[in-house]
């Protein structure tokens, strides 16, 4: 067989092997690359949408009082004696979805997430009733009462409570949750703070244009009924 023919045949076989190798590499590499590019593009798209939504919500400067907004305003007031404007508060709210998912993964709770509004009276154990008996005097004239339980605050709402009572109970719960981390006499200090500072807090909120008639919250399904006996004992 002529030498030139063998050389051409070897070169053709080598070229074919190179083409097969290139195609095999592309076959293995292309899908992964495409998936990576698609995933990266999706991430950028979602990030752009979230950022746009975040900026849009920030620009609204809402004057309603929801859970987190109330918590931010109260914390600043307790530290500085003043309230933030709606524009300032909107920049501090956690509205991005990935932030909420990350907090849940790490089991990190914001202050307002320690307060449970509209707790069920049926959940009360005997030990809870004993604690309520010790703190009942703080809620004699209120249409709610608070229970500190397992590091959280449970708020029980009376059936006769109105919207302003619900807002006040939530603020009281936030104050109690804050004092729980610093003092053993948390109920006493929280009650004293509410007596001395709550009306001032609400007045300053009104000056800044906030709607203080109600708390923007979920519908409170569970409400309790209690009356005061001759010895100021609460019964349900």
Protein backbone atom coordinates (compact mmCIF):
# COMPACT_ATOMS: atom_id res chain seq x y z
CA UNK A 1 0.00 0.00 0.00
CA UNK A 2 1.51 3.37 -1.03
CA UNK A 3 2.99 5.43 1.80
CA UNK A 4 1.10 8.56 0.78
CA UNK A 5 -2.18 6.67 1.09
CA UNK A 6 -1.31 5.51 4.60
CA UNK A 7 -0.39 9.03 5.63
CA UNK A 8 -3.65 10.43 4.30
CA UNK A 9 -5.62 7.68 6.03
CA UNK A 10 -3.84 8.31 9.35
CA UNK A 11 -4.42 12.05 9.03
CA UNK A 12 -8.11 11.47 8.27
CA UNK A 13 -8.46 9.16 11.29
CA UNK A 14 -6.69 11.71 13.51
CA UNK A 15 -8.98 14.48 12.26
CA UNK A 16 -12.04 12.31 12.91
CA UNK A 17 -10.84 11.53 16.45
CA UNK A 18 -10.27 15.23 17.14
CA UNK A 19 -13.74 16.06 15.88
CA UNK A 20 -15.25 13.32 18.05
CA UNK A 21 -13.27 14.55 21.07
CA UNK A 22 -14.37 18.15 20.47
CA UNK A 23 -18.00 17.08 20.15
CA UNK A 24 -17.77 14.93 23.26
CA UNK A 25 -16.29 17.84 25.21
CA UNK A 26 -19.01 20.14 23.95
CA UNK A 27 -21.64 17.54 24.77
CA UNK A 28 -20.47 17.38 28.39
CA UNK A 29 -19.64 21.05 28.82
CA UNK A 30 -22.38 22.83 26.92
CA UNK A 31 -25.42 21.77 29.01
CA UNK A 32 -23.69 22.69 32.26
CA UNK A 33 -22.62 25.99 30.84
CA UNK A 34 -26.09 26.68 29.52
CA UNK A 35 -27.63 25.78 32.89
CA UNK A 36 -25.13 28.00 34.68
CA UNK A 37 -25.83 30.89 32.31
CA UNK A 38 -29.58 30.37 32.63
CA UNK A 39 -29.34 30.21 36.43
CA UNK A 40 -27.19 33.32 36.57
CA UNK A 41 -29.58 35.14 34.25
CA UNK A 42 -32.55 34.10 36.41
CA UNK A 43 -30.74 35.28 39.54
CA UNK A 44 -30.03 38.67 37.98
CA UNK A 45 -33.63 38.96 36.83
CA UNK A 46 -35.02 38.08 40.26
CA UNK A 47 -32.54 40.40 41.96
CA UNK A 48 -33.50 43.24 39.63
CA UNK A 49 -37.20 42.66 40.29
CA UNK A 50 -36.66 42.48 44.07
CA UNK A 51 -34.53 45.61 44.02
CA UNK A 52 -37.12 47.46 41.96
CA UNK A 53 -39.91 46.34 44.30
CA UNK A 54 -37.82 47.26 47.33
CA UNK A 55 -37.20 50.77 46.00
CA UNK A 56 -40.86 51.10 45.05
CA UNK A 57 -42.03 50.16 48.55
CA UNK A 58 -39.42 52.45 50.09
CA UNK A 59 -40.70 55.35 48.03
CA UNK A 60 -44.26 54.83 49.30
CA UNK A 61 -43.41 56.07 52.81
CA UNK A 62 -46.48 54.38 54.27
CA UNK A 63 -48.12 55.98 57.29
CA UNK A 64 -50.05 52.92 58.45
CA UNK A 65 -48.78 50.99 61.46
CA UNK A 66 -48.05 47.34 60.77
CA UNK A 67 -46.13 44.97 63.04
CA UNK A 68 -42.58 45.75 61.96
CA UNK A 69 -43.13 49.47 61.38
CA UNK A 70 -44.58 49.86 64.87
CA UNK A 71 -41.65 47.93 66.32
CA UNK A 72 -39.06 50.11 64.56
CA UNK A 73 -40.81 53.31 65.63
CA UNK A 74 -41.13 52.16 69.23
CA UNK A 75 -37.52 51.03 69.50
CA UNK A 76 -36.27 54.39 68.23
CA UNK A 77 -38.61 56.29 70.53
CA UNK A 78 -37.51 54.33 73.58
CA UNK A 79 -33.87 55.08 72.79
CA UNK A 80 -34.11 58.70 71.59
CA UNK A 81 -37.47 60.08 72.73
CA UNK A 82 -38.47 60.94 69.16
CA UNK A 83 -40.13 59.11 66.27
CA UNK A 84 -38.85 58.51 62.77
CA UNK A 85 -40.60 59.91 59.72
CA UNK A 86 -42.37 57.52 57.31
CA UNK A 87 -39.49 58.01 54.86
CA UNK A 88 -36.92 57.02 57.49
CA UNK A 89 -38.86 53.98 58.64
CA UNK A 90 -39.34 52.63 55.12
CA UNK A 91 -35.56 52.37 54.73
CA UNK A 92 -35.31 50.11 57.78
CA UNK A 93 -38.07 47.62 56.99
CA UNK A 94 -37.10 44.10 55.93
CA UNK A 95 -39.18 43.50 52.82
CA UNK A 96 -36.89 41.42 50.57
CA UNK A 97 -38.08 37.77 50.46
CA UNK A 98 -34.60 36.22 50.59
CA UNK A 99 -33.94 38.08 53.86
CA UNK A 100 -37.03 36.51 55.44
CA UNK A 101 -35.99 33.06 54.24
CA UNK A 102 -32.46 33.55 55.57
CA UNK A 103 -33.75 34.61 59.00
CA UNK A 104 -36.01 31.58 59.20
CA UNK A 105 -33.12 29.32 58.29
CA UNK A 106 -30.97 30.81 61.06
CA UNK A 107 -33.94 31.01 63.44
CA UNK A 108 -33.38 34.72 63.94
CA UNK A 109 -36.45 36.65 65.10
CA UNK A 110 -37.07 40.36 64.86
CA UNK A 111 -38.56 42.07 67.96
CA UNK A 112 -42.12 42.12 66.60
CA UNK A 113 -41.94 38.38 65.90
CA UNK A 114 -41.65 37.72 69.64
CA UNK A 115 -45.15 39.14 70.18
CA UNK A 116 -48.17 36.96 69.37
CA UNK A 117 -51.39 38.92 69.01
CA UNK A 118 -54.73 37.22 69.64
CA UNK A 119 -53.54 34.16 71.57
CA UNK A 120 -56.03 31.39 72.39
CA UNK A 121 -57.25 31.23 75.98
CA UNK A 122 -57.49 27.44 75.65
CA UNK A 123 -53.69 27.25 75.48
CA UNK A 124 -53.35 28.44 79.08
CA UNK A 125 -51.86 25.88 81.45
CA UNK A 126 -52.15 25.91 85.24
CA UNK A 127 -48.70 27.49 85.54
CA UNK A 128 -49.80 30.23 83.15
CA UNK A 129 -52.84 30.98 85.28
CA UNK A 130 -50.62 31.35 88.35
CA UNK A 131 -48.45 33.85 86.51
CA UNK A 132 -51.49 35.78 85.30
CA UNK A 133 -52.76 35.94 88.89
CA UNK A 134 -49.51 37.67 89.87
CA UNK A 135 -49.70 40.27 87.10
CA UNK A 136 -53.47 40.81 86.82
CA UNK A 137 -53.36 44.18 88.59
CA UNK A 138 -51.48 45.68 85.63
CA UNK A 139 -54.40 45.05 83.29
CA UNK A 140 -57.36 46.00 85.47
CA UNK A 141 -58.50 48.77 83.13
CA UNK A 142 -57.35 47.19 79.88
CA UNK A 143 -59.21 45.12 77.33
CA UNK A 144 -56.27 42.76 77.05
CA UNK A 145 -53.66 41.05 79.19
CA UNK A 146 -50.16 39.80 78.48
CA UNK A 147 -48.38 36.57 79.30
CA UNK A 148 -44.63 36.09 78.96
CA UNK A 149 -44.09 32.49 77.91
CA UNK A 150 -40.95 30.76 76.62
CA UNK A 151 -39.25 34.01 75.65
CA UNK A 152 -42.28 35.36 73.79
CA UNK A 153 -45.26 37.54 74.69
CA UNK A 154 -48.80 36.24 74.21
CA UNK A 155 -51.53 38.87 73.95
CA UNK A 156 -55.08 37.88 74.91
CA UNK A 157 -57.71 40.24 73.53
CA UNK A 158 -61.06 40.88 75.22
CA UNK A 159 -64.22 40.54 73.15
CA UNK A 160 -65.08 44.18 73.86
CA UNK A 161 -61.71 45.46 72.62
CA UNK A 162 -61.74 48.09 69.87
CA UNK A 163 -59.07 48.94 67.30
CA UNK A 164 -57.19 51.33 69.58
CA UNK A 165 -57.08 48.64 72.28
CA UNK A 166 -55.44 46.24 69.83
CA UNK A 167 -52.79 48.82 68.91
CA UNK A 168 -52.10 49.57 72.56
CA UNK A 169 -51.87 45.88 73.44
CA UNK A 170 -49.32 45.30 70.68
CA UNK A 171 -47.17 48.24 71.78
CA UNK A 172 -47.42 46.99 75.38
CA UNK A 173 -46.32 43.56 74.18
CA UNK A 174 -43.29 45.04 72.40
CA UNK A 175 -42.33 46.99 75.51
CA UNK A 176 -42.68 43.88 77.67
CA UNK A 177 -40.58 41.82 75.26
CA UNK A 178 -37.86 44.45 75.43
CA UNK A 179 -37.83 44.55 79.25
CA UNK A 180 -37.91 40.74 79.47
CA UNK A 181 -34.34 40.69 78.20
CA UNK A 182 -33.11 43.12 80.86
CA UNK A 183 -35.17 42.82 84.03
CA UNK A 184 -36.90 40.24 86.21
CA UNK A 185 -39.60 42.79 87.09
CA UNK A 186 -40.46 43.20 83.42
CA UNK A 187 -44.24 43.45 83.90
CA UNK A 188 -43.84 46.25 86.44
CA UNK A 189 -41.45 48.24 84.25
CA UNK A 190 -43.52 47.69 81.11
CA UNK A 191 -46.68 48.83 82.92
CA UNK A 192 -44.89 51.92 84.23
CA UNK A 193 -43.58 52.76 80.77
CA UNK A 194 -47.06 52.49 79.27
CA UNK A 195 -48.49 54.78 81.95
CA UNK A 196 -45.80 57.40 81.48
CA UNK A 197 -44.82 57.26 77.80
CA UNK A 198 -47.53 55.64 75.68
CA UNK A 199 -49.67 58.75 75.14
CA UNK A 200 -46.58 60.78 74.29
CA UNK A 201 -45.52 58.13 71.80
CA UNK A 202 -48.93 58.17 70.10
CA UNK A 203 -48.99 61.99 70.02
CA UNK A 204 -45.60 62.14 68.31
CA UNK A 205 -46.74 59.56 65.78
CA UNK A 206 -49.74 61.72 64.91
CA UNK A 207 -47.51 64.76 64.43
CA UNK A 208 -45.44 62.82 61.88
CA UNK A 209 -48.60 61.86 60.01
CA UNK A 210 -49.02 58.25 61.10
CA UNK A 211 -52.45 56.66 61.31
CA UNK A 212 -52.84 55.75 64.99
CA UNK A 213 -56.48 54.65 64.89
CA UNK A 214 -55.63 51.01 64.37
CA UNK A 215 -52.91 48.42 63.90
CA UNK A 216 -52.62 46.94 60.44
CA UNK A 217 -52.81 43.30 61.49
CA UNK A 218 -54.35 39.97 60.65
CA UNK A 219 -57.93 39.32 61.67
CA UNK A 220 -58.02 38.42 65.37
CA UNK A 221 -60.11 35.26 65.49
CA UNK A 222 -59.49 34.31 69.10
CA UNK A 223 -60.87 36.69 71.70
CA UNK A 224 -61.57 35.99 75.36
CA UNK A 225 -64.13 37.20 77.84
CA UNK A 226 -63.43 37.84 81.50
CA UNK A 227 -64.98 39.78 84.35
CA UNK A 228 -63.62 41.12 87.61
CA UNK A 229 -64.82 39.58 90.84
CA UNK A 230 -64.97 41.29 94.25
CA UNK A 231 -61.25 40.63 94.75
CA UNK A 232 -60.30 41.87 91.27
CA UNK A 233 -59.77 38.33 90.08
CA UNK A 234 -60.05 37.61 86.41
CA UNK A 235 -62.23 34.73 85.37
CA UNK A 236 -63.02 33.60 81.89
